[in-house]
PDB file of N, CA and C in Angstrom:
ATOM      1  N   MET A   1      65.114  45.579 277.393  1.00  0.00           N
ATOM      2  CA  MET A   1      64.931  45.791 278.715  1.00  0.00           C
ATOM      3  C   MET A   1      66.317  46.609 279.024  1.00  0.00           C
ATOM      4  N   LYS A   2      66.176  47.357 280.081  1.00  0.00           N
ATOM      5  CA  LYS A   2      67.240  48.153 280.889  1.00  0.00           C
ATOM      6  C   LYS A   2      67.595  48.142 282.239  1.00  0.00           C
ATOM      7  N   SER A   3      68.890  48.108 282.421  1.00  0.00           N
ATOM      8  CA  SER A   3      69.039  47.911 283.730  1.00  0.00           C
ATOM      9  C   SER A   3      70.116  48.977 284.361  1.00  0.00           C
ATOM     10  N   MET A   4      70.346  48.532 285.954  1.00  0.00           N
ATOM     11  CA  MET A   4      71.059  49.659 285.919  1.00  0.00           C
ATOM     12  C   MET A   4      71.661  49.184 287.907  1.00  0.00           C
ATOM     13  N   LYS A   5      72.751  49.701 288.197  1.00  0.00           N
ATOM     14  CA  LYS A   5      73.011  48.912 289.506  1.00  0.00           C
ATOM     15  C   LYS A   5      72.485  50.436 290.162  1.00  0.00           C
ATOM     16  N   ILE A   6      71.990  49.501 291.737  1.00  0.00           N
ATOM     17  CA  ILE A   6      71.376  50.886 292.670  1.00  0.00           C
ATOM     18  C   ILE A   6      72.223  50.245 294.181  1.00  0.00           C
ATOM     19  N   SER A   7      72.141  51.570 295.023  1.00  0.00           N
ATOM     20  CA  SER A   7      72.250  51.080 296.332  1.00  0.00           C
ATOM     21  C   SER A   7      70.687  51.884 296.774  1.00  0.00           C
ATOM     22  N   LEU A   8      70.721  50.887 298.160  1.00  0.00           N
ATOM     23  CA  LEU A   8      69.676  50.824 299.219  1.00  0.00           C
ATOM     24  C   LEU A   8      70.131  50.600 300.521  1.00  0.00           C
ATOM     25  N   GLU A   9      70.667  51.115 301.028  1.00  0.00           N
ATOM     26  CA  GLU A   9      71.458  50.978 302.344  1.00  0.00           C
ATOM     27  C   GLU A   9      70.466  51.549 303.372  1.00  0.00           C
ATOM     28  N   MET A  10      69.674  52.124 303.430  1.00  0.00           N
ATOM     29  CA  MET A  10      69.046  52.472 304.429  1.00  0.00           C
ATOM     30  C   MET A  10      67.371  52.556 304.309  1.00  0.00           C
ATOM     31  N   ALA A  11      66.517  52.171 304.940  1.00  0.00           N
ATOM     32  CA  ALA A  11      65.057  52.051 304.931  1.00  0.00           C
ATOM     33  C   ALA A  11      64.386  53.183 304.168  1.00  0.00           C
ATOM     34  N   GLN A  12      64.723  54.307 304.570  1.00  0.00           N
ATOM     35  CA  GLN A  12      63.975  55.209 303.795  1.00  0.00           C
ATOM     36  C   GLN A  12      64.523  55.428 302.431  1.00  0.00           C
ATOM     37  N   ARG A  13      65.635  55.551 301.966  1.00  0.00           N
ATOM     38  CA  ARG A  13      66.062  54.646 300.885  1.00  0.00           C
ATOM     39  C   ARG A  13      65.112  53.792 299.933  1.00  0.00           C
ATOM     40  N   VAL A  14      64.939  52.630 300.604  1.00  0.00           N
ATOM     41  CA  VAL A  14      64.081  51.775 300.095  1.00  0.00           C
ATOM     42  C   VAL A  14      62.805  52.031 299.860  1.00  0.00           C
ATOM     43  N   LYS A  15      62.021  53.420 300.659  1.00  0.00           N
ATOM     44  CA  LYS A  15      60.735  53.677 300.786  1.00  0.00           C
ATOM     45  C   LYS A  15      60.697  54.738 299.561  1.00  0.00           C
ATOM     46  N   GLU A  16      61.559  55.593 299.820  1.00  0.00           N
ATOM     47  CA  GLU A  16      61.637  56.306 297.932  1.00  0.00           C
ATOM     48  C   GLU A  16      61.491  55.791 297.285  1.00  0.00           C
ATOM     49  N   PHE A  17      62.257  54.394 296.992  1.00  0.00           N
ATOM     50  CA  PHE A  17      62.189  53.871 295.907  1.00  0.00           C
ATOM     51  C   PHE A  17      61.238  53.076 295.359  1.00  0.00           C
ATOM     52  N   VAL A  18      60.803  52.591 296.373  1.00  0.00           N
ATOM     53  CA  VAL A  18      59.488  52.007 296.007  1.00  0.00           C
ATOM     54  C   VAL A  18      58.055  52.885 295.676  1.00  0.00           C
ATOM     55  N   THR A  19      58.115  53.795 296.185  1.00  0.00           N
ATOM     56  CA  THR A  19      57.169  54.993 295.694  1.00  0.00           C
ATOM     57  C   THR A  19      57.577  55.707 294.161  1.00  0.00           C
ATOM     58  N   VAL A  20      58.649  55.690 293.669  1.00  0.00           N
ATOM     59  CA  VAL A  20      58.939  55.946 292.305  1.00  0.00           C
ATOM     60  C   VAL A  20      58.708  54.667 291.578  1.00  0.00           C
ATOM     61  N   THR A  21      58.719  53.530 291.909  1.00  0.00           N
ATOM     62  CA  THR A  21      58.585  52.339 291.325  1.00  0.00           C
ATOM     63  C   THR A  21      57.268  52.016 291.182  1.00  0.00           C
ATOM     64  N   GLN A  22      56.273  51.957 292.054  1.00  0.00           N
ATOM     65  CA  GLN A  22      54.790  52.226 292.021  1.00  0.00           C
ATOM     66  C   GLN A  22      54.333  52.850 291.137  1.00  0.00           C
ATOM     67  N   GLY A  23      54.401  54.336 290.748  1.00  0.00           N
ATOM     68  CA  GLY A  23      54.036  55.027 289.507  1.00  0.00           C
ATOM     69  C   GLY A  23      54.494  54.870 288.147  1.00  0.00           C
ATOM     70  N   CYS A  24      55.256  53.220 288.230  1.00  0.00           N
ATOM     71  CA  CYS A  24      55.488  52.902 286.909  1.00  0.00           C
ATOM     72  C   CYS A  24      54.391  51.451 286.321  1.00  0.00           C
ATOM     73  N   ASP A  25      54.008  51.523 284.878  1.00  0.00           N
ATOM     74  CA  ASP A  25      52.914  50.474 284.960  1.00  0.00           C
ATOM     75  C   ASP A  25      54.007  49.127 284.605  1.00  0.00           C
ATOM     76  N   CYS A  26      55.093  49.609 284.112  1.00  0.00           N
ATOM     77  CA  CYS A  26      55.856  47.839 283.434  1.00  0.00           C
ATOM     78  C   CYS A  26      56.555  47.333 285.028  1.00  0.00           C
ATOM     79  N   GLU A  27      56.962  45.962 284.311  1.00  0.00           N
ATOM     80  CA  GLU A  27      57.569  45.398 285.177  1.00  0.00           C
ATOM     81  C   GLU A  27      59.379  45.567 285.940  1.00  0.00           C
ATOM     82  N   ILE A  28      59.150  46.215 286.606  1.00  0.00           N
ATOM     83  CA  ILE A  28      60.526  46.005 287.291  1.00  0.00           C
ATOM     84  C   ILE A  28      60.989  45.373 288.335  1.00  0.00           C
ATOM     85  N   LEU A  29      62.337  44.325 288.569  1.00  0.00           N
ATOM     86  CA  LEU A  29      62.774  43.445 288.995  1.00  0.00           C
ATOM     87  C   LEU A  29      63.985  43.944 289.446  1.00  0.00           C
ATOM     88  N   LEU A  30      64.315  43.382 291.119  1.00  0.00           N
ATOM     89  CA  LEU A  30      65.475  44.076 291.781  1.00  0.00           C
ATOM     90  C   LEU A  30      66.690  42.360 291.520  1.00  0.00           C
ATOM     91  N   LYS A  31      67.604  42.223 291.495  1.00  0.00           N
ATOM     92  CA  LYS A  31      68.053  41.176 291.724  1.00  0.00           C
ATOM     93  C   LYS A  31      69.582  41.746 292.930  1.00  0.00           C
ATOM     94  N   SER A  32      69.729  40.505 293.182  1.00  0.00           N
ATOM     95  CA  SER A  32      70.888  40.553 294.180  1.00  0.00           C
ATOM     96  C   SER A  32      71.036  39.003 294.549  1.00  0.00           C
ATOM     97  N   GLY A  33      72.335  38.785 293.580  1.00  0.00           N
ATOM     98  CA  GLY A  33      73.097  37.509 293.608  1.00  0.00           C
ATOM     99  C   GLY A  33      71.930  36.470 292.761  1.00  0.00           C
ATOM    100  N   LYS A  34      71.556  35.601 293.208  1.00  0.00           N
ATOM    101  CA  LYS A  34      70.570  34.750 292.301  1.00  0.00           C
ATOM    102  C   LYS A  34      69.237  35.051 293.111  1.00  0.00           C
ATOM    103  N   TYR A  35      68.912  35.893 293.811  1.00  0.00           N
ATOM    104  CA  TYR A  35      67.649  36.367 294.206  1.00  0.00           C
ATOM    105  C   TYR A  35      66.954  37.140 293.331  1.00  0.00           C
ATOM    106  N   VAL A  36      65.972  37.071 292.957  1.00  0.00           N
ATOM    107  CA  VAL A  36      65.168  37.988 292.462  1.00  0.00           C
ATOM    108  C   VAL A  36      63.726  38.723 292.637  1.00  0.00           C
ATOM    109  N   VAL A  37      63.267  39.829 293.040  1.00  0.00           N
ATOM    110  CA  VAL A  37      62.223  40.493 293.803  1.00  0.00           C
ATOM    111  C   VAL A  37      61.572  41.300 292.864  1.00  0.00           C
ATOM    112  N   ASP A  38      59.812  41.888 292.916  1.00  0.00           N
ATOM    113  CA  ASP A  38      59.656  42.351 292.426  1.00  0.00           C
ATOM    114  C   ASP A  38      59.632  43.658 293.050  1.00  0.00           C
ATOM    115  N   ALA A  39      60.303  44.844 292.180  1.00  0.00           N
ATOM    116  CA  ALA A  39      60.903  46.181 292.467  1.00  0.00           C
ATOM    117  C   ALA A  39      59.730  47.223 293.252  1.00  0.00           C
ATOM    118  N   LYS A  40      58.648  46.524 293.013  1.00  0.00           N
ATOM    119  CA  LYS A  40      57.364  47.670 293.880  1.00  0.00           C
ATOM    120  C   LYS A  40      56.921  46.864 294.877  1.00  0.00           C
ATOM    121  N   SER A  41      57.640  45.908 295.483  1.00  0.00           N
ATOM    122  CA  SER A  41      57.204  45.302 296.937  1.00  0.00           C
ATOM    123  C   SER A  41      58.065  45.593 298.073  1.00  0.00           C
ATOM    124  N   ILE A  42      57.951  46.206 299.164  1.00  0.00           N
ATOM    125  CA  ILE A  42      58.664  46.765 299.575  1.00  0.00           C
ATOM    126  C   ILE A  42      59.219  45.347 300.736  1.00  0.00           C
ATOM    127  N   LEU A  43      58.601  44.601 301.149  1.00  0.00           N
ATOM    128  CA  LEU A  43      58.903  43.481 301.674  1.00  0.00           C
ATOM    129  C   LEU A  43      59.723  42.603 301.526  1.00  0.00           C
ATOM    130  N   GLY A  44      59.270  42.395 299.795  1.00  0.00           N
ATOM    131  CA  GLY A  44      60.428  41.808 298.535  1.00  0.00           C
ATOM    132  C   GLY A  44      61.814  42.268 299.172  1.00  0.00           C
ATOM    133  N   ILE A  45      61.699  43.557 299.076  1.00  0.00           N
ATOM    134  CA  ILE A  45      63.166  44.297 298.731  1.00  0.00           C
ATOM    135  C   ILE A  45      63.724  44.154 300.062  1.00  0.00           C
ATOM    136  N   PHE A  46      63.123  44.192 301.235  1.00  0.00           N
ATOM    137  CA  PHE A  46      63.933  44.164 302.564  1.00  0.00           C
ATOM    138  C   PHE A  46      64.371  42.763 302.614  1.00  0.00           C
ATOM    139  N   SER A  47      63.660  41.255 301.846  1.00  0.00           N
ATOM    140  CA  SER A  47      64.306  40.370 301.745  1.00  0.00           C
ATOM    141  C   SER A  47      65.864  39.978 301.607  1.00  0.00           C
ATOM    142  N   LEU A  48      65.952  41.359 300.554  1.00  0.00           N
ATOM    143  CA  LEU A  48      67.572  40.862 299.952  1.00  0.00           C
ATOM    144  C   LEU A  48      68.556  41.890 300.863  1.00  0.00           C
ATOM    145  N   ASP A  49      69.753  41.206 300.423  1.00  0.00           N
ATOM    146  CA  ASP A  49      70.733  42.029 301.045  1.00  0.00           C
ATOM    147  C   ASP A  49      71.414  43.351 300.641  1.00  0.00           C
ATOM    148  N   LEU A  50      70.880  44.172 301.572  1.00  0.00           N
ATOM    149  CA  LEU A  50      70.764  45.580 300.874  1.00  0.00           C
ATOM    150  C   LEU A  50      72.432  46.465 301.335  1.00  0.00           C
ATOM    151  N   SER A  51      72.997  45.410 301.840  1.00  0.00           N
ATOM    152  CA  SER A  51      74.365  46.173 301.807  1.00  0.00           C
ATOM    153  C   SER A  51      75.351  46.082 300.355  1.00  0.00           C
ATOM    154  N   LYS A  52      74.821  45.441 299.856  1.00  0.00           N
ATOM    155  CA  LYS A  52      75.367  45.441 298.266  1.00  0.00           C
ATOM    156  C   LYS A  52      74.687  46.098 297.371  1.00  0.00           C
ATOM    157  N   PRO A  53      75.811  46.256 296.359  1.00  0.00           N
ATOM    158  CA  PRO A  53      74.952  47.122 295.122  1.00  0.00           C
ATOM    159  C   PRO A  53      73.650  46.400 294.575  1.00  0.00           C
ATOM    160  N   LEU A  54      72.398  46.502 293.935  1.00  0.00           N
ATOM    161  CA  LEU A  54      71.556  45.647 293.871  1.00  0.00           C
ATOM    162  C   LEU A  54      71.283  46.021 291.823  1.00  0.00           C
ATOM    163  N   THR A  55      70.764  45.223 291.075  1.00  0.00           N
ATOM    164  CA  THR A  55      70.486  45.247 289.760  1.00  0.00           C
ATOM    165  C   THR A  55      69.099  45.682 289.580  1.00  0.00           C
ATOM    166  N   VAL A  56      68.633  46.753 289.019  1.00  0.00           N
ATOM    167  CA  VAL A  56      67.467  47.022 288.576  1.00  0.00           C
ATOM    168  C   VAL A  56      66.971  46.739 287.114  1.00  0.00           C
ATOM    169  N   GLU A  57      66.350  45.679 286.943  1.00  0.00           N
ATOM    170  CA  GLU A  57      66.225  45.565 285.343  1.00  0.00           C
ATOM    171  C   GLU A  57      64.779  45.934 285.227  1.00  0.00           C
ATOM    172  N   ILE A  58      64.489  47.103 283.921  1.00  0.00           N
ATOM    173  CA  ILE A  58      63.587  47.350 283.708  1.00  0.00           C
ATOM    174  C   ILE A  58      62.593  47.095 282.565  1.00  0.00           C
ATOM    175  N   TYR A  59      61.761  46.092 282.181  1.00  0.00           N
ATOM    176  CA  TYR A  59      60.978  45.765 281.156  1.00  0.00           C
ATOM    177  C   TYR A  59      60.188  46.561 280.422  1.00  0.00           C
ATOM    178  N   SER A  60      60.512  47.593 279.774  1.00  0.00           N
ATOM    179  CA  SER A  60      59.762  48.655 279.134  1.00  0.00           C
ATOM    180  C   SER A  60      60.483  49.305 277.899  1.00  0.00           C
ATOM    181  N   ASP A  61      60.333  49.480 276.747  1.00  0.00           N
ATOM    182  CA  ASP A  61      61.457  49.971 275.739  1.00  0.00           C
ATOM    183  C   ASP A  61      61.076  51.680 276.105  1.00  0.00           C
ATOM    184  N   ASP A  62      59.911  52.003 276.459  1.00  0.00           N
ATOM    185  CA  ASP A  62      59.998  53.365 276.767  1.00  0.00           C
ATOM    186  C   ASP A  62      59.902  53.869 278.762  1.00  0.00           C
ATOM    187  N   CYS A  63      61.036  53.911 278.875  1.00  0.00           N
ATOM    188  CA  CYS A  63      61.201  54.187 280.354  1.00  0.00           C
ATOM    189  C   CYS A  63      62.428  55.642 280.591  1.00  0.00           C
ATOM    190  N   ALA A  64      62.768  56.470 279.813  1.00  0.00           N
ATOM    191  CA  ALA A  64      63.648  57.208 280.390  1.00  0.00           C
ATOM    192  C   ALA A  64      63.099  58.393 281.337  1.00  0.00           C
ATOM    193  N   ASP A  65      62.425  58.563 281.584  1.00  0.00           N
ATOM    194  CA  ASP A  65      61.733  59.156 283.173  1.00  0.00           C
ATOM    195  C   ASP A  65      62.096  58.360 283.840  1.00  0.00           C
ATOM    196  N   LEU A  66      61.894  57.088 283.930  1.00  0.00           N
ATOM    197  CA  LEU A  66      61.512  56.399 285.049  1.00  0.00           C
ATOM    198  C   LEU A  66      63.224  56.180 285.342  1.00  0.00           C
ATOM    199  N   LEU A  67      63.982  55.848 284.382  1.00  0.00           N
ATOM    200  CA  LEU A  67      65.438  55.943 284.839  1.00  0.00           C
ATOM    201  C   LEU A  67      65.895  57.287 285.282  1.00  0.00           C
ATOM    202  N   LYS A  68      65.816  58.136 284.727  1.00  0.00           N
ATOM    203  CA  LYS A  68      66.020  59.548 285.265  1.00  0.00           C
ATOM    204  C   LYS A  68      65.692  59.853 286.884  1.00  0.00           C
ATOM    205  N   ALA A  69      64.354  59.247 287.395  1.00  0.00           N
ATOM    206  CA  ALA A  69      64.100  59.156 288.469  1.00  0.00           C
ATOM    207  C   ALA A  69      64.690  58.216 289.425  1.00  0.00           C
ATOM    208  N   LEU A  70      65.061  57.357 288.842  1.00  0.00           N
ATOM    209  CA  LEU A  70      66.200  56.424 289.948  1.00  0.00           C
ATOM    210  C   LEU A  70      67.630  56.658 289.919  1.00  0.00           C
ATOM    211  N   GLU A  71      68.388  57.931 289.057  1.00  0.00           N
ATOM    212  CA  GLU A  71      69.178  58.410 288.983  1.00  0.00           C
ATOM    213  C   GLU A  71      69.976  58.810 290.651  1.00  0.00           C
ATOM    214  N   PRO A  72      69.081  58.992 291.557  1.00  0.00           N
ATOM    215  CA  PRO A  72      69.824  59.514 292.942  1.00  0.00           C
ATOM    216  C   PRO A  72      70.063  57.976 293.612  1.00  0.00           C
ATOM    217  N   PHE A  73      69.708  56.933 293.178  1.00  0.00           N
ATOM    218  CA  PHE A  73      70.211  55.810 293.856  1.00  0.00           C
ATOM    219  C   PHE A  73      71.505  55.058 293.107  1.00  0.00           C
ATOM    220  N   ALA A  74      71.726  55.555 291.820  1.00  0.00           N
ATOM    221  CA  ALA A  74      72.538  54.919 291.314  1.00  0.00           C
ATOM    222  C   ALA A  74      74.135  54.490 291.957  1.00  0.00           C
ATOM    223  N   VAL A  75      74.849  53.836 291.464  1.00  0.00           N
ATOM    224  CA  VAL A  75      75.941  53.178 292.252  1.00  0.00           C
ATOM    225  C   VAL A  75      76.651  54.233 291.396  1.00  0.00           C
TER     226      VAL A  75
END
């Protein structure tokens, strides 16, 4: 598992993030405090507190390309 902190403060950033994550076959979760949602679900993401940094957890050993694609969202 790999994890990183990201920020998704605007709706456009959420849309861009979901577009990136939907292209991956592995399981990707977003955590905000005690809440956990599927990172490929735009509705799930909007249920989180987006004013604070989120933690992305990627459950794959071969995710270097995905981590690179997520760099623009990193905090």
